[in-house]
């Protein structure tokens, strides 16, 4: 599927490709920030409730969720960086620059 998507995107006009990339980046930023919000809700709920998770070792349940909000925030930051720089995941070459 990845090769097929790259074939389709590389066939688009540069302006259309850039619009598509920008739209995808904005959607990914929104989704990442939504995951930050919900994972923070789960983390804070586990913190307040004091639940424990017992598997191989007994841990406070919030420990399992502690990396999720910062991780999703970093993902959102990466998409913001790509959007701001005009970088592309499609074909490796930014759509705003002509191919040589």
N, C-alpha and C. Protein backbone atom coordinates (compact mmCIF):
# COMPACT_ATOMS: atom_id res chain seq x y z
N UNK A 1 0.80 -1.19 0.00
CA UNK A 1 0.00 0.00 0.00
C UNK A 1 0.85 1.26 0.00
N UNK A 2 1.99 1.23 0.69
CA UNK A 2 2.83 2.42 0.80
C UNK A 2 3.35 2.83 -0.57
N UNK A 3 3.77 1.87 -1.38
CA UNK A 3 4.28 2.17 -2.72
C UNK A 3 3.15 2.73 -3.58
N UNK A 4 1.97 2.18 -3.47
CA UNK A 4 0.84 2.66 -4.26
C UNK A 4 0.49 4.09 -3.88
N UNK A 5 0.52 4.42 -2.60
CA UNK A 5 0.22 5.78 -2.17
C UNK A 5 1.27 6.74 -2.71
N UNK A 6 2.55 6.37 -2.65
CA UNK A 6 3.60 7.24 -3.18
C UNK A 6 3.43 7.44 -4.68
N UNK A 7 3.01 6.40 -5.40
CA UNK A 7 2.79 6.53 -6.84
C UNK A 7 1.67 7.53 -7.12
N UNK A 8 0.60 7.46 -6.37
CA UNK A 8 -0.51 8.38 -6.54
C UNK A 8 -0.09 9.81 -6.21
N UNK A 9 0.57 9.99 -5.09
CA UNK A 9 0.96 11.34 -4.66
C UNK A 9 1.98 11.94 -5.60
N UNK A 10 2.93 11.15 -6.10
CA UNK A 10 3.93 11.69 -7.01
C UNK A 10 3.33 12.10 -8.35
N UNK A 11 2.15 11.58 -8.69
CA UNK A 11 1.49 11.93 -9.94
C UNK A 11 0.70 13.24 -9.83
N UNK A 12 0.52 13.74 -8.61
CA UNK A 12 -0.24 14.98 -8.41
C UNK A 12 0.59 16.20 -8.78
N UNK A 13 -0.08 17.25 -9.13
CA UNK A 13 0.58 18.53 -9.39
C UNK A 13 1.20 19.03 -8.08
N UNK A 14 2.32 19.74 -8.14
CA UNK A 14 2.98 20.19 -6.92
C UNK A 14 2.09 20.99 -5.98
N UNK A 15 1.24 21.84 -6.48
CA UNK A 15 0.35 22.62 -5.62
C UNK A 15 -0.67 21.75 -4.91
N UNK A 16 -1.23 20.80 -5.64
CA UNK A 16 -2.20 19.88 -5.05
C UNK A 16 -1.52 18.99 -4.02
N UNK A 17 -0.31 18.53 -4.34
CA UNK A 17 0.44 17.68 -3.42
C UNK A 17 0.73 18.43 -2.12
N UNK A 18 1.14 19.69 -2.24
CA UNK A 18 1.44 20.50 -1.05
C UNK A 18 0.19 20.71 -0.20
N UNK A 19 -0.95 20.97 -0.85
CA UNK A 19 -2.20 21.13 -0.14
C UNK A 19 -2.59 19.84 0.58
N UNK A 20 -2.42 18.71 -0.10
CA UNK A 20 -2.71 17.41 0.51
C UNK A 20 -1.80 17.15 1.70
N UNK A 21 -0.49 17.42 1.54
CA UNK A 21 0.45 17.22 2.64
C UNK A 21 0.11 18.10 3.83
N UNK A 22 -0.19 19.37 3.57
CA UNK A 22 -0.53 20.29 4.65
C UNK A 22 -1.79 19.83 5.38
N UNK A 23 -2.77 19.38 4.63
CA UNK A 23 -4.02 18.89 5.23
C UNK A 23 -3.75 17.67 6.10
N UNK A 24 -2.93 16.77 5.62
CA UNK A 24 -2.60 15.56 6.37
C UNK A 24 -1.84 15.92 7.65
N UNK A 25 -0.88 16.85 7.54
CA UNK A 25 -0.13 17.27 8.72
C UNK A 25 -1.05 17.90 9.76
N UNK A 26 -1.97 18.75 9.31
CA UNK A 26 -2.91 19.38 10.25
C UNK A 26 -3.81 18.34 10.92
N UNK A 27 -4.25 17.36 10.16
CA UNK A 27 -5.05 16.28 10.73
C UNK A 27 -4.25 15.48 11.75
N UNK A 28 -2.99 15.20 11.44
CA UNK A 28 -2.14 14.45 12.36
C UNK A 28 -1.83 15.25 13.63
N UNK A 29 -1.65 16.56 13.50
CA UNK A 29 -1.43 17.41 14.67
C UNK A 29 -2.67 17.38 15.57
N UNK A 30 -3.84 17.53 14.96
CA UNK A 30 -5.08 17.51 15.73
C UNK A 30 -5.28 16.16 16.43
N UNK A 31 -5.03 15.07 15.72
CA UNK A 31 -5.18 13.74 16.32
C UNK A 31 -4.19 13.55 17.47
N UNK A 32 -2.95 13.97 17.28
CA UNK A 32 -1.94 13.83 18.33
C UNK A 32 -2.32 14.63 19.57
N UNK A 33 -2.80 15.85 19.37
CA UNK A 33 -3.21 16.67 20.51
C UNK A 33 -4.44 16.09 21.20
N UNK A 34 -5.32 15.48 20.43
CA UNK A 34 -6.47 14.80 21.03
C UNK A 34 -6.00 13.62 21.89
N UNK A 35 -5.01 12.88 21.41
CA UNK A 35 -4.45 11.78 22.19
C UNK A 35 -3.73 12.30 23.44
N UNK A 36 -3.10 13.47 23.34
CA UNK A 36 -2.48 14.07 24.53
C UNK A 36 -3.56 14.33 25.57
N UNK A 37 -4.64 14.93 25.15
CA UNK A 37 -5.73 15.25 26.07
C UNK A 37 -6.29 13.99 26.74
N UNK A 38 -6.65 13.00 25.94
CA UNK A 38 -7.26 11.80 26.51
C UNK A 38 -6.27 10.98 27.34
N UNK A 39 -5.03 10.90 26.92
CA UNK A 39 -4.06 10.15 27.72
C UNK A 39 -3.77 10.88 29.03
N UNK A 40 -3.82 12.22 29.01
CA UNK A 40 -3.67 12.98 30.26
C UNK A 40 -4.85 12.70 31.19
N UNK A 41 -6.05 12.59 30.63
CA UNK A 41 -7.23 12.27 31.44
C UNK A 41 -7.08 10.89 32.09
N UNK A 42 -6.61 9.91 31.33
CA UNK A 42 -6.41 8.56 31.88
C UNK A 42 -5.32 8.57 32.93
N UNK A 43 -4.24 9.26 32.66
CA UNK A 43 -3.13 9.36 33.61
C UNK A 43 -3.57 10.01 34.91
N UNK A 44 -4.25 11.14 34.81
CA UNK A 44 -4.66 11.84 36.03
C UNK A 44 -5.71 11.05 36.80
N UNK A 45 -6.59 10.37 36.09
CA UNK A 45 -7.58 9.52 36.76
C UNK A 45 -6.91 8.37 37.51
N UNK A 46 -5.93 7.75 36.89
CA UNK A 46 -5.19 6.66 37.56
C UNK A 46 -4.40 7.19 38.74
N UNK A 47 -3.87 8.41 38.63
CA UNK A 47 -3.12 9.02 39.72
C UNK A 47 -4.03 9.27 40.93
N UNK A 48 -5.19 9.87 40.66
CA UNK A 48 -6.12 10.23 41.73
C UNK A 48 -6.69 8.98 42.39
N UNK A 49 -7.03 7.97 41.61
CA UNK A 49 -7.65 6.77 42.16
C UNK A 49 -6.66 5.90 42.93
N UNK A 50 -5.39 6.05 42.62
CA UNK A 50 -4.39 5.24 43.31
C UNK A 50 -4.44 3.76 42.94
N UNK A 51 -5.06 3.46 41.81
CA UNK A 51 -5.14 2.06 41.36
C UNK A 51 -3.76 1.45 41.21
N UNK A 52 -3.70 0.15 41.37
CA UNK A 52 -2.46 -0.58 41.19
C UNK A 52 -2.66 -1.58 40.07
N UNK A 53 -1.61 -1.80 39.31
CA UNK A 53 -1.64 -2.77 38.23
C UNK A 53 -0.74 -3.93 38.62
N UNK A 54 -1.31 -5.11 38.64
CA UNK A 54 -0.55 -6.27 39.06
C UNK A 54 -0.40 -7.21 37.87
N UNK A 55 0.80 -7.28 37.36
CA UNK A 55 1.14 -8.24 36.31
C UNK A 55 2.38 -8.95 36.79
N UNK A 56 3.50 -8.73 36.15
CA UNK A 56 4.74 -9.34 36.62
C UNK A 56 5.22 -8.66 37.89
N UNK A 57 4.92 -7.37 37.99
CA UNK A 57 5.30 -6.60 39.18
C UNK A 57 4.14 -5.66 39.51
N UNK A 58 4.01 -5.35 40.76
CA UNK A 58 2.95 -4.45 41.18
C UNK A 58 3.43 -3.01 41.05
N UNK A 59 2.71 -2.24 40.24
CA UNK A 59 3.06 -0.85 39.99
C UNK A 59 1.82 0.02 40.15
N UNK A 60 2.02 1.28 40.49
CA UNK A 60 0.87 2.19 40.40
C UNK A 60 0.43 2.27 38.94
N UNK A 61 -0.85 2.25 38.70
CA UNK A 61 -1.37 2.22 37.33
C UNK A 61 -0.94 3.44 36.51
N UNK A 62 -0.76 4.60 37.15
CA UNK A 62 -0.40 5.81 36.43
C UNK A 62 0.96 5.68 35.75
N UNK A 63 1.84 4.83 36.29
CA UNK A 63 3.17 4.65 35.70
C UNK A 63 3.06 4.13 34.27
N UNK A 64 2.06 3.29 34.03
CA UNK A 64 1.87 2.74 32.69
C UNK A 64 1.50 3.82 31.67
N UNK A 65 0.86 4.88 32.13
CA UNK A 65 0.38 5.93 31.23
C UNK A 65 1.27 7.16 31.24
N UNK A 66 2.28 7.21 32.05
CA UNK A 66 3.09 8.42 32.24
C UNK A 66 3.79 8.88 30.96
N UNK A 67 4.16 7.98 30.10
CA UNK A 67 4.89 8.36 28.89
C UNK A 67 3.97 8.79 27.74
N UNK A 68 2.69 8.52 27.86
CA UNK A 68 1.80 8.79 26.74
C UNK A 68 1.60 10.28 26.44
N UNK A 69 1.23 11.13 27.40
CA UNK A 69 1.04 12.55 27.03
C UNK A 69 2.30 13.20 26.46
N UNK A 70 3.48 13.04 27.09
CA UNK A 70 4.65 13.66 26.46
C UNK A 70 5.00 13.04 25.11
N UNK A 71 4.77 11.75 24.96
CA UNK A 71 5.05 11.09 23.68
C UNK A 71 4.18 11.62 22.56
N UNK A 72 2.88 11.75 22.81
CA UNK A 72 1.98 12.29 21.79
C UNK A 72 2.25 13.77 21.54
N UNK A 73 2.69 14.50 22.56
CA UNK A 73 3.06 15.90 22.38
C UNK A 73 4.28 16.02 21.46
N UNK A 74 5.23 15.12 21.62
CA UNK A 74 6.40 15.11 20.74
C UNK A 74 6.02 14.76 19.30
N UNK A 75 5.07 13.85 19.15
CA UNK A 75 4.59 13.51 17.81
C UNK A 75 3.95 14.74 17.16
N UNK A 76 3.12 15.46 17.92
CA UNK A 76 2.49 16.67 17.39
C UNK A 76 3.56 17.70 17.02
N UNK A 77 4.58 17.84 17.85
CA UNK A 77 5.66 18.78 17.57
C UNK A 77 6.40 18.41 16.28
N UNK A 78 6.57 17.13 16.05
CA UNK A 78 7.23 16.68 14.81
C UNK A 78 6.40 17.06 13.58
N UNK A 79 5.09 16.88 13.66
CA UNK A 79 4.25 17.26 12.53
C UNK A 79 4.22 18.77 12.34
N UNK A 80 4.25 19.54 13.43
CA UNK A 80 4.33 21.00 13.32
C UNK A 80 5.64 21.39 12.63
N UNK A 81 6.72 20.73 12.99
CA UNK A 81 8.03 21.01 12.38
C UNK A 81 7.99 20.71 10.88
N UNK A 82 7.45 19.57 10.51
CA UNK A 82 7.35 19.21 9.10
C UNK A 82 6.49 20.21 8.33
N UNK A 83 5.38 20.61 8.93
CA UNK A 83 4.50 21.57 8.28
C UNK A 83 5.19 22.92 8.12
N UNK A 84 5.87 23.38 9.16
CA UNK A 84 6.52 24.69 9.13
C UNK A 84 7.68 24.73 8.13
N UNK A 85 8.40 23.63 8.01
CA UNK A 85 9.55 23.59 7.09
C UNK A 85 9.15 23.22 5.67
N UNK A 86 7.93 22.75 5.48
CA UNK A 86 7.50 22.34 4.15
C UNK A 86 8.11 21.02 3.73
N UNK A 87 8.51 20.20 4.71
CA UNK A 87 9.10 18.90 4.39
C UNK A 87 8.01 17.91 4.00
N UNK A 88 8.43 16.87 3.33
CA UNK A 88 7.48 15.90 2.81
C UNK A 88 7.85 14.48 3.21
N UNK A 89 6.83 13.70 3.52
CA UNK A 89 7.02 12.27 3.72
C UNK A 89 6.79 11.52 2.40
N UNK A 90 6.23 12.21 1.43
CA UNK A 90 5.88 11.57 0.17
C UNK A 90 7.01 11.69 -0.83
N UNK A 91 7.67 10.63 -1.10
CA UNK A 91 8.73 10.64 -2.08
C UNK A 91 10.01 11.29 -1.63
N UNK A 92 10.06 11.78 -0.40
CA UNK A 92 11.27 12.33 0.17
C UNK A 92 11.59 13.74 -0.26
N UNK A 93 10.97 14.24 -1.29
CA UNK A 93 11.26 15.58 -1.80
C UNK A 93 10.07 16.49 -1.53
N UNK A 94 10.29 17.68 -0.96
CA UNK A 94 9.17 18.59 -0.70
C UNK A 94 8.44 18.94 -1.99
N UNK A 95 7.14 19.05 -1.90
CA UNK A 95 6.33 19.34 -3.08
C UNK A 95 6.56 20.76 -3.58
N UNK A 96 6.99 21.67 -2.70
CA UNK A 96 7.16 23.06 -3.11
C UNK A 96 8.46 23.27 -3.89
N UNK A 97 9.35 22.30 -3.88
CA UNK A 97 10.61 22.43 -4.61
C UNK A 97 10.57 21.54 -5.86
N UNK A 98 11.05 22.04 -6.97
CA UNK A 98 11.03 21.21 -8.19
C UNK A 98 12.04 20.08 -8.09
N UNK A 99 11.67 18.93 -8.66
CA UNK A 99 12.59 17.79 -8.70
C UNK A 99 13.67 18.04 -9.73
N UNK A 100 14.89 17.62 -9.44
CA UNK A 100 16.01 17.83 -10.36
C UNK A 100 16.38 16.52 -11.00
